[in-house]
Protein backbone atom coordinates (compact mmCIF):
# COMPACT_ATOMS: atom_id res chain seq x y z
CA MET A 1 -16.91 18.50 2.54
CA PRO A 2 -13.26 17.43 2.77
CA ALA A 3 -11.51 16.65 -0.48
CA ARG A 4 -9.22 13.69 -1.23
CA LEU A 5 -6.02 15.03 -2.76
CA LEU A 6 -2.98 13.33 -4.27
CA ILE A 7 0.30 15.27 -4.44
CA VAL A 8 3.00 14.04 -6.84
CA ASP A 9 6.28 15.94 -6.69
CA ASP A 10 9.99 15.18 -6.43
CA GLU A 11 10.66 18.10 -4.08
CA PRO A 12 9.98 17.17 -0.43
CA ALA A 13 9.45 20.82 0.57
CA ILE A 14 6.63 21.24 -1.92
CA CYS A 15 5.01 17.97 -0.84
CA PHE A 16 5.28 19.05 2.79
CA ALA A 17 3.89 22.56 2.23
CA LEU A 18 0.90 21.43 0.15
CA SER A 19 0.20 18.50 2.45
CA ARG A 20 0.26 20.66 5.56
CA PHE A 21 -1.86 23.42 4.04
CA PHE A 22 -4.63 21.09 2.87
CA SER A 23 -4.48 18.81 5.92
CA GLU A 24 -5.04 21.81 8.18
CA ARG A 25 -8.16 22.61 6.14
CA GLY A 26 -9.46 19.12 6.88
CA ASP A 27 -8.74 17.52 3.52
CA SER A 28 -7.34 13.99 3.15
CA VAL A 29 -3.92 14.24 1.56
CA PHE A 30 -1.88 11.43 0.01
CA VAL A 31 1.68 12.11 -1.13
CA ALA A 32 3.49 10.15 -3.83
CA PRO A 33 7.03 11.48 -3.97
CA ALA A 34 8.30 11.24 -7.53
CA PRO A 35 9.90 9.40 -9.23
CA LYS A 36 7.80 6.77 -7.44
CA MET A 37 4.64 7.15 -9.43
CA PRO A 38 1.28 7.04 -7.68
CA TRP A 39 -0.46 4.50 -9.92
CA PRO A 40 -0.94 1.89 -7.16
CA LYS A 41 -2.45 4.57 -4.90
CA LEU A 42 -5.10 5.72 -7.39
CA PRO A 43 -7.64 2.92 -6.88
CA GLN A 44 -7.33 3.15 -3.09
CA THR A 45 -7.43 6.93 -2.70
CA ARG A 46 -9.76 7.85 -5.57
CA PRO A 47 -8.56 11.47 -5.36
CA ASP A 48 -10.83 14.38 -6.15
CA ALA A 49 -7.79 16.32 -7.42
CA ILE A 50 -4.17 15.56 -8.23
CA PHE A 51 -1.35 18.09 -7.82
CA LEU A 52 1.14 16.85 -10.41
CA ASP A 53 4.59 18.37 -10.95
CA ILE A 54 5.22 19.07 -14.64
CA ARG A 55 8.97 18.34 -14.46
CA LEU A 56 9.43 14.90 -12.93
CA PRO A 57 12.60 12.83 -13.16
CA GLY A 58 12.30 10.37 -16.02
CA ILE A 59 8.80 11.45 -17.11
CA SER A 60 7.06 14.75 -17.74
CA GLY A 61 3.95 15.61 -15.80
CA LEU A 62 2.01 15.67 -19.05
CA GLU A 63 3.08 12.09 -19.83
CA ALA A 64 2.22 11.08 -16.29
CA MET A 65 -1.21 12.66 -16.65
CA GLY A 66 -1.88 10.43 -19.65
CA GLU A 67 -0.89 7.39 -17.58
CA THR A 68 -3.23 8.51 -14.81
CA ASP A 69 -6.19 8.69 -17.22
CA ARG A 70 -5.47 5.18 -18.57
CA ARG A 71 -5.24 3.61 -15.12
CA ARG A 72 -8.42 5.05 -13.61
């Protein structure tokens, strides 16, 4: 069964590589390039997994993870 994935990273090459890899496997991939945070996308995408960069501009990935939990 295809997974719904959300990729949050400030490096376009990483977003591209992960997106391409998982898309070719048949998964649905949504990309939220940091520092634009993905909070508005969460209710629409309801991802099965989130690939979250630890070092984001202006916020750490760990802080962002706490925000993600509060907004679900």
